[in-house]
Amino acid sequence: MPKKSTYPTSADQSSLCLQYLGRCGGSARLCHIKFSLNVIQTLVNQRKVKIKNTGAGFFIELEDAK
């Protein structure tokens, strides 16, 4: 019988990232979050978040947050 992995999966990390952004008001500075690039790219591909260049840095924000 295969053992279960104790490491969080990408889906778990994606949901945690979305929860984090929700608690931060829907937007956070990209350099301040500690999620992997794979998790961020997955969320961008699913069109749940977008990356915005403000001129003062890059921000990740929820797609439905205006």
Protein backbone atom coordinates (compact mmCIF):
# COMPACT_ATOMS: atom_id res chain seq x y z
CA MET A 1 0.00 0.00 0.00
CA PRO A 2 1.55 3.37 -1.01
CA LYS A 3 2.29 5.87 1.70
CA LYS A 4 0.61 9.26 1.68
CA SER A 5 2.87 12.22 1.13
CA THR A 6 3.21 14.60 4.05
CA TYR A 7 4.10 17.48 1.73
CA PRO A 8 1.32 19.88 0.70
CA THR A 9 0.15 19.52 -2.88
CA SER A 10 -0.06 22.32 -5.41
CA ALA A 11 -3.87 22.42 -5.05
CA ASP A 12 -3.49 22.94 -1.29
CA GLN A 13 -1.00 25.73 -1.84
CA SER A 14 -3.23 27.37 -4.45
CA SER A 15 -6.16 27.52 -2.07
CA LEU A 16 -3.89 28.87 0.68
CA CYS A 17 -2.63 31.57 -1.67
CA LEU A 18 -6.21 32.58 -2.55
CA GLN A 19 -7.11 32.70 1.15
CA TYR A 20 -4.05 34.83 1.87
CA LEU A 21 -4.95 37.29 -0.87
CA GLY A 22 -8.51 37.45 0.42
CA ARG A 23 -7.25 38.38 3.89
CA CYS A 24 -4.94 41.03 2.41
CA GLY A 25 -7.82 42.83 0.73
CA GLY A 26 -7.41 41.07 -2.62
CA SER A 27 -3.93 42.33 -3.44
CA ALA A 28 -0.37 41.81 -2.20
CA ARG A 29 3.10 42.77 -3.30
CA LEU A 30 4.55 39.88 -5.31
CA CYS A 31 7.94 39.99 -3.59
CA HIS A 32 6.32 39.70 -0.13
CA ILE A 33 4.42 36.46 -0.63
CA LYS A 34 6.09 33.11 0.02
CA PHE A 35 4.30 30.89 -2.50
CA SER A 36 6.19 29.13 -5.28
CA LEU A 37 6.18 30.34 -8.85
CA ASN A 38 4.38 27.14 -9.87
CA VAL A 39 1.47 27.96 -7.57
CA ILE A 40 1.28 31.54 -8.83
CA GLN A 41 1.49 30.43 -12.47
CA THR A 42 -1.27 27.88 -11.91
CA LEU A 43 -3.56 30.57 -10.48
CA VAL A 44 -2.75 32.93 -13.38
CA ASN A 45 -3.49 30.17 -15.91
CA GLN A 46 -6.81 29.47 -14.18
CA ARG A 47 -7.55 33.22 -14.34
CA LYS A 48 -8.11 33.46 -10.61
CA VAL A 49 -5.38 36.07 -10.11
CA LYS A 50 -3.55 38.59 -12.23
CA ILE A 51 -0.16 40.25 -12.00
CA LYS A 52 -0.11 44.03 -12.22
CA ASN A 53 2.93 46.30 -12.70
CA THR A 54 2.28 49.58 -10.88
CA GLY A 55 5.61 51.16 -11.72
CA ALA A 56 6.60 50.82 -8.08
CA GLY A 57 6.59 47.02 -8.15
CA PHE A 58 4.59 44.00 -9.14
CA PHE A 59 1.37 43.12 -7.35
CA ILE A 60 -0.69 39.95 -7.42
CA GLU A 61 -4.40 40.52 -7.08
CA LEU A 62 -7.56 38.50 -7.21
CA GLU A 63 -9.22 38.62 -10.60
CA ASP A 64 -12.62 39.66 -9.21
CA ALA A 65 -11.18 42.37 -6.90
CA LYS A 66 -11.61 45.86 -8.37
